[in-house]
PDB file of N, CA and C in Angstrom:
ATOM      1  N   MET A   1       0.832  -1.175   0.000  1.00  0.00           N
ATOM      2  CA  MET A   1       0.000   0.000   0.000  1.00  0.00           C
ATOM      3  C   MET A   1       0.884   1.249   0.000  1.00  0.00           C
ATOM      4  N   GLU A   2       0.559   2.198  -0.831  1.00  0.00           N
ATOM      5  CA  GLU A   2       1.339   3.418  -0.969  1.00  0.00           C
ATOM      6  C   GLU A   2       1.004   4.409   0.147  1.00  0.00           C
ATOM      7  N   LYS A   3       2.041   5.051   0.672  1.00  0.00           N
ATOM      8  CA  LYS A   3       1.850   6.042   1.733  1.00  0.00           C
ATOM      9  C   LYS A   3       1.237   7.312   1.152  1.00  0.00           C
ATOM     10  N   LYS A   4       0.228   7.846   1.833  1.00  0.00           N
ATOM     11  CA  LYS A   4      -0.434   9.073   1.396  1.00  0.00           C
ATOM     12  C   LYS A   4       0.469  10.266   1.683  1.00  0.00           C
ATOM     13  N   LYS A   5       0.471  11.226   0.754  1.00  0.00           N
ATOM     14  CA  LYS A   5       1.244  12.444   0.920  1.00  0.00           C
ATOM     15  C   LYS A   5       0.298  13.590   1.254  1.00  0.00           C
ATOM     16  N   LEU A   6       0.645  14.337   2.279  1.00  0.00           N
ATOM     17  CA  LEU A   6      -0.183  15.459   2.718  1.00  0.00           C
ATOM     18  C   LEU A   6      -0.263  16.526   1.638  1.00  0.00           C
ATOM     19  N   LYS A   7      -1.475  16.965   1.376  1.00  0.00           N
ATOM     20  CA  LYS A   7      -1.699  18.085   0.466  1.00  0.00           C
ATOM     21  C   LYS A   7      -1.942  19.350   1.285  1.00  0.00           C
ATOM     22  N   GLN A   8      -2.864  19.274   2.236  1.00  0.00           N
ATOM     23  CA  GLN A   8      -3.119  20.403   3.134  1.00  0.00           C
ATOM     24  C   GLN A   8      -4.013  20.003   4.292  1.00  0.00           C
ATOM     25  N   HIS A   9      -3.979  20.830   5.322  1.00  0.00           N
ATOM     26  CA  HIS A   9      -4.895  20.720   6.456  1.00  0.00           C
ATOM     27  C   HIS A   9      -6.012  21.719   6.183  1.00  0.00           C
ATOM     28  N   ALA A  10      -7.221  21.260   6.060  1.00  0.00           N
ATOM     29  CA  ALA A  10      -8.368  22.155   5.883  1.00  0.00           C
ATOM     30  C   ALA A  10      -9.054  22.266   7.241  1.00  0.00           C
ATOM     31  N   ILE A  11      -8.935  23.439   7.853  1.00  0.00           N
ATOM     32  CA  ILE A  11      -9.485  23.648   9.193  1.00  0.00           C
ATOM     33  C   ILE A  11     -10.564  24.713   9.131  1.00  0.00           C
ATOM     34  N   ASN A  12     -11.745  24.338   9.604  1.00  0.00           N
ATOM     35  CA  ASN A  12     -12.850  25.291   9.694  1.00  0.00           C
ATOM     36  C   ASN A  12     -12.840  25.857  11.112  1.00  0.00           C
ATOM     37  N   ARG A  13     -12.250  27.038  11.257  1.00  0.00           N
ATOM     38  CA  ARG A  13     -12.100  27.643  12.581  1.00  0.00           C
ATOM     39  C   ARG A  13     -13.433  28.066  13.189  1.00  0.00           C
ATOM     40  N   GLU A  14     -14.430  28.268  12.374  1.00  0.00           N
ATOM     41  CA  GLU A  14     -15.757  28.610  12.900  1.00  0.00           C
ATOM     42  C   GLU A  14     -16.392  27.421  13.610  1.00  0.00           C
ATOM     43  N   TRP A  15     -16.096  26.221  13.155  1.00  0.00           N
ATOM     44  CA  TRP A  15     -16.661  25.016  13.768  1.00  0.00           C
ATOM     45  C   TRP A  15     -15.876  24.571  14.992  1.00  0.00           C
ATOM     46  N   CYS A  16     -14.587  24.921  15.042  1.00  0.00           N
ATOM     47  CA  CYS A  16     -13.712  24.489  16.139  1.00  0.00           C
ATOM     48  C   CYS A  16     -14.147  25.143  17.447  1.00  0.00           C
ATOM     49  N   LYS A  17     -14.351  24.309  18.478  1.00  0.00           N
ATOM     50  CA  LYS A  17     -14.730  24.854  19.788  1.00  0.00           C
ATOM     51  C   LYS A  17     -13.547  24.872  20.757  1.00  0.00           C
ATOM     52  N   GLY A  18     -12.377  24.454  20.277  1.00  0.00           N
ATOM     53  CA  GLY A  18     -11.173  24.526  21.095  1.00  0.00           C
ATOM     54  C   GLY A  18     -11.063  23.474  22.177  1.00  0.00           C
ATOM     55  N   CYS A  19     -11.609  22.310  21.944  1.00  0.00           N
ATOM     56  CA  CYS A  19     -11.585  21.256  22.959  1.00  0.00           C
ATOM     57  C   CYS A  19     -10.193  20.642  23.147  1.00  0.00           C
ATOM     58  N   GLY A  20      -9.353  20.694  22.109  1.00  0.00           N
ATOM     59  CA  GLY A  20      -7.995  20.176  22.212  1.00  0.00           C
ATOM     60  C   GLY A  20      -7.836  18.688  21.995  1.00  0.00           C
ATOM     61  N   ILE A  21      -8.909  17.990  21.667  1.00  0.00           N
ATOM     62  CA  ILE A  21      -8.820  16.543  21.439  1.00  0.00           C
ATOM     63  C   ILE A  21      -7.851  16.243  20.295  1.00  0.00           C
ATOM     64  N   CYS A  22      -7.937  16.992  19.226  1.00  0.00           N
ATOM     65  CA  CYS A  22      -7.062  16.790  18.073  1.00  0.00           C
ATOM     66  C   CYS A  22      -5.595  16.967  18.447  1.00  0.00           C
ATOM     67  N   VAL A  23      -5.321  17.967  19.276  1.00  0.00           N
ATOM     68  CA  VAL A  23      -3.950  18.246  19.713  1.00  0.00           C
ATOM     69  C   VAL A  23      -3.400  17.060  20.501  1.00  0.00           C
ATOM     70  N   GLU A  24      -4.206  16.492  21.373  1.00  0.00           N
ATOM     71  CA  GLU A  24      -3.774  15.366  22.196  1.00  0.00           C
ATOM     72  C   GLU A  24      -3.514  14.100  21.375  1.00  0.00           C
ATOM     73  N   PHE A  25      -4.274  13.892  20.310  1.00  0.00           N
ATOM     74  CA  PHE A  25      -4.128  12.685  19.506  1.00  0.00           C
ATOM     75  C   PHE A  25      -3.051  12.780  18.430  1.00  0.00           C
ATOM     76  N   CYS A  26      -2.572  13.973  18.118  1.00  0.00           N
ATOM     77  CA  CYS A  26      -1.568  14.132  17.060  1.00  0.00           C
ATOM     78  C   CYS A  26      -0.230  13.540  17.513  1.00  0.00           C
ATOM     79  N   PRO A  27       0.241  12.466  16.851  1.00  0.00           N
ATOM     80  CA  PRO A  27       1.478  11.817  17.291  1.00  0.00           C
ATOM     81  C   PRO A  27       2.733  12.645  17.026  1.00  0.00           C
ATOM     82  N   LYS A  28       2.671  13.587  16.109  1.00  0.00           N
ATOM     83  CA  LYS A  28       3.837  14.400  15.755  1.00  0.00           C
ATOM     84  C   LYS A  28       3.750  15.829  16.284  1.00  0.00           C
ATOM     85  N   LYS A  29       2.702  16.146  17.036  1.00  0.00           N
ATOM     86  CA  LYS A  29       2.503  17.482  17.621  1.00  0.00           C
ATOM     87  C   LYS A  29       2.540  18.577  16.552  1.00  0.00           C
ATOM     88  N   VAL A  30       1.806  18.327  15.473  1.00  0.00           N
ATOM     89  CA  VAL A  30       1.738  19.233  14.330  1.00  0.00           C
ATOM     90  C   VAL A  30       0.803  20.410  14.594  1.00  0.00           C
ATOM     91  N   ILE A  31      -0.230  20.181  15.399  1.00  0.00           N
ATOM     92  CA  ILE A  31      -1.244  21.211  15.632  1.00  0.00           C
ATOM     93  C   ILE A  31      -1.250  21.655  17.094  1.00  0.00           C
ATOM     94  N   GLU A  32      -1.713  22.884  17.284  1.00  0.00           N
ATOM     95  CA  GLU A  32      -1.826  23.464  18.623  1.00  0.00           C
ATOM     96  C   GLU A  32      -3.068  24.336  18.664  1.00  0.00           C
ATOM     97  N   LEU A  33      -3.433  24.773  19.862  1.00  0.00           N
ATOM     98  CA  LEU A  33      -4.495  25.753  20.019  1.00  0.00           C
ATOM     99  C   LEU A  33      -3.850  27.131  20.121  1.00  0.00           C
ATOM    100  N   ASP A  34      -4.419  28.104  19.427  1.00  0.00           N
ATOM    101  CA  ASP A  34      -3.873  29.462  19.456  1.00  0.00           C
ATOM    102  C   ASP A  34      -4.454  30.253  20.629  1.00  0.00           C
ATOM    103  N   ARG A  35      -4.212  31.540  20.663  1.00  0.00           N
ATOM    104  CA  ARG A  35      -4.690  32.393  21.760  1.00  0.00           C
ATOM    105  C   ARG A  35      -6.211  32.449  21.845  1.00  0.00           C
ATOM    106  N   LYS A  36      -6.871  32.215  20.716  1.00  0.00           N
ATOM    107  CA  LYS A  36      -8.340  32.227  20.687  1.00  0.00           C
ATOM    108  C   LYS A  36      -8.921  30.839  20.959  1.00  0.00           C
ATOM    109  N   GLU A  37      -8.028  29.903  21.349  1.00  0.00           N
ATOM    110  CA  GLU A  37      -8.435  28.518  21.613  1.00  0.00           C
ATOM    111  C   GLU A  37      -9.026  27.841  20.374  1.00  0.00           C
ATOM    112  N   LYS A  38      -8.428  28.116  19.240  1.00  0.00           N
ATOM    113  CA  LYS A  38      -8.808  27.482  17.971  1.00  0.00           C
ATOM    114  C   LYS A  38      -7.590  26.734  17.446  1.00  0.00           C
ATOM    115  N   VAL A  39      -7.825  25.628  16.775  1.00  0.00           N
ATOM    116  CA  VAL A  39      -6.721  24.813  16.284  1.00  0.00           C
ATOM    117  C   VAL A  39      -6.010  25.498  15.108  1.00  0.00           C
ATOM    118  N   ILE A  40      -4.678  25.405  15.134  1.00  0.00           N
ATOM    119  CA  ILE A  40      -3.842  25.894  14.034  1.00  0.00           C
ATOM    120  C   ILE A  40      -2.759  24.862  13.741  1.00  0.00           C
ATOM    121  N   VAL A  41      -2.254  24.884  12.532  1.00  0.00           N
ATOM    122  CA  VAL A  41      -1.172  23.994  12.125  1.00  0.00           C
ATOM    123  C   VAL A  41       0.137  24.755  12.327  1.00  0.00           C
ATOM    124  N   VAL A  42       1.020  24.223  13.160  1.00  0.00           N
ATOM    125  CA  VAL A  42       2.283  24.900  13.437  1.00  0.00           C
ATOM    126  C   VAL A  42       3.482  24.230  12.773  1.00  0.00           C
ATOM    127  N   TYR A  43       3.402  22.940  12.508  1.00  0.00           N
ATOM    128  CA  TYR A  43       4.494  22.200  11.866  1.00  0.00           C
ATOM    129  C   TYR A  43       3.961  21.291  10.758  1.00  0.00           C
ATOM    130  N   PRO A  44       3.458  21.853   9.655  1.00  0.00           N
ATOM    131  CA  PRO A  44       2.878  21.017   8.597  1.00  0.00           C
ATOM    132  C   PRO A  44       3.869  20.030   7.990  1.00  0.00           C
ATOM    133  N   GLU A  45       5.149  20.376   7.999  1.00  0.00           N
ATOM    134  CA  GLU A  45       6.175  19.501   7.422  1.00  0.00           C
ATOM    135  C   GLU A  45       6.359  18.213   8.223  1.00  0.00           C
ATOM    136  N   LYS A  46       5.935  18.185   9.480  1.00  0.00           N
ATOM    137  CA  LYS A  46       6.058  17.003  10.319  1.00  0.00           C
ATOM    138  C   LYS A  46       4.854  16.070  10.212  1.00  0.00           C
ATOM    139  N   CYS A  47       3.796  16.509   9.547  1.00  0.00           N
ATOM    140  CA  CYS A  47       2.560  15.727   9.463  1.00  0.00           C
ATOM    141  C   CYS A  47       2.770  14.444   8.665  1.00  0.00           C
ATOM    142  N   ILE A  48       2.279  13.337   9.202  1.00  0.00           N
ATOM    143  CA  ILE A  48       2.378  12.039   8.526  1.00  0.00           C
ATOM    144  C   ILE A  48       1.036  11.619   7.915  1.00  0.00           C
ATOM    145  N   ALA A  49       0.078  12.525   7.906  1.00  0.00           N
ATOM    146  CA  ALA A  49      -1.247  12.303   7.315  1.00  0.00           C
ATOM    147  C   ALA A  49      -1.946  11.066   7.889  1.00  0.00           C
ATOM    148  N   CYS A  50      -1.818  10.869   9.189  1.00  0.00           N
ATOM    149  CA  CYS A  50      -2.465   9.722   9.842  1.00  0.00           C
ATOM    150  C   CYS A  50      -3.968   9.946  10.024  1.00  0.00           C
ATOM    151  N   LYS A  51      -4.395  11.199   9.970  1.00  0.00           N
ATOM    152  CA  LYS A  51      -5.785  11.618  10.068  1.00  0.00           C
ATOM    153  C   LYS A  51      -6.419  11.394  11.449  1.00  0.00           C
ATOM    154  N   LEU A  52      -5.602  11.187  12.468  1.00  0.00           N
ATOM    155  CA  LEU A  52      -6.164  11.022  13.810  1.00  0.00           C
ATOM    156  C   LEU A  52      -6.887  12.280  14.264  1.00  0.00           C
ATOM    157  N   CYS A  53      -6.348  13.438  13.926  1.00  0.00           N
ATOM    158  CA  CYS A  53      -7.013  14.692  14.313  1.00  0.00           C
ATOM    159  C   CYS A  53      -8.381  14.801  13.643  1.00  0.00           C
ATOM    160  N   GLU A  54      -8.438  14.443  12.371  1.00  0.00           N
ATOM    161  CA  GLU A  54      -9.707  14.489  11.626  1.00  0.00           C
ATOM    162  C   GLU A  54     -10.712  13.496  12.193  1.00  0.00           C
ATOM    163  N   LEU A  55     -10.255  12.304  12.487  1.00  0.00           N
ATOM    164  CA  LEU A  55     -11.146  11.255  12.981  1.00  0.00           C
ATOM    165  C   LEU A  55     -11.660  11.530  14.392  1.00  0.00           C
ATOM    166  N   ARG A  56     -10.860  12.191  15.227  1.00  0.00           N
ATOM    167  CA  ARG A  56     -11.233  12.439  16.613  1.00  0.00           C
ATOM    168  C   ARG A  56     -11.967  13.747  16.848  1.00  0.00           C
ATOM    169  N   CYS A  57     -11.952  14.657  15.879  1.00  0.00           N
ATOM    170  CA  CYS A  57     -12.594  15.954  16.062  1.00  0.00           C
ATOM    171  C   CYS A  57     -14.113  15.790  16.161  1.00  0.00           C
ATOM    172  N   PRO A  58     -14.701  16.123  17.314  1.00  0.00           N
ATOM    173  CA  PRO A  58     -16.143  15.953  17.477  1.00  0.00           C
ATOM    174  C   PRO A  58     -16.962  16.972  16.674  1.00  0.00           C
ATOM    175  N   ASP A  59     -16.307  18.026  16.205  1.00  0.00           N
ATOM    176  CA  ASP A  59     -17.010  19.076  15.466  1.00  0.00           C
ATOM    177  C   ASP A  59     -16.807  18.995  13.960  1.00  0.00           C
ATOM    178  N   LEU A  60     -16.057  17.990  13.499  1.00  0.00           N
ATOM    179  CA  LEU A  60     -15.749  17.814  12.076  1.00  0.00           C
ATOM    180  C   LEU A  60     -15.098  19.063  11.485  1.00  0.00           C
ATOM    181  N   ALA A  61     -14.259  19.729  12.285  1.00  0.00           N
ATOM    182  CA  ALA A  61     -13.642  20.983  11.874  1.00  0.00           C
ATOM    183  C   ALA A  61     -12.319  20.786  11.141  1.00  0.00           C
ATOM    184  N   ILE A  62     -11.810  19.557  11.097  1.00  0.00           N
ATOM    185  CA  ILE A  62     -10.510  19.291  10.463  1.00  0.00           C
ATOM    186  C   ILE A  62     -10.686  18.273   9.348  1.00  0.00           C
ATOM    187  N   GLU A  63     -10.076  18.576   8.218  1.00  0.00           N
ATOM    188  CA  GLU A  63     -10.026  17.625   7.108  1.00  0.00           C
ATOM    189  C   GLU A  63      -8.592  17.585   6.607  1.00  0.00           C
ATOM    190  N   ILE A  64      -8.036  16.384   6.530  1.00  0.00           N
ATOM    191  CA  ILE A  64      -6.692  16.195   6.021  1.00  0.00           C
ATOM    192  C   ILE A  64      -6.819  15.780   4.562  1.00  0.00           C
ATOM    193  N   GLU A  65      -6.311  16.631   3.677  1.00  0.00           N
ATOM    194  CA  GLU A  65      -6.363  16.345   2.247  1.00  0.00           C
ATOM    195  C   GLU A  65      -5.033  15.750   1.821  1.00  0.00           C
ATOM    196  N   THR A  66      -5.106  14.624   1.105  1.00  0.00           N
ATOM    197  CA  THR A  66      -3.888  13.942   0.632  1.00  0.00           C
ATOM    198  C   THR A  66      -3.910  13.853  -0.883  1.00  0.00           C
ATOM    199  N   GLU A  67      -2.702  13.633  -1.430  1.00  0.00           N
ATOM    200  CA  GLU A  67      -2.556  13.485  -2.885  1.00  0.00           C
ATOM    201  C   GLU A  67      -2.729  12.036  -3.288  1.00  0.00           C
TER     202      GLU A  67
END
């Protein structure tokens, strides 16, 4: 099976309630909560496109797009 390559993190900040679940599940610590308690991508180059943040987000605010 071929490894997926990250295209982009699509984050809907309006839907994000800042619960931090995605941050806790990210194995590479790619995402964090900003001053407004909304998720942001801080290290996109470290992302392995595992989609744990997307799968665990209760608000469906994160989508990991791959090539």
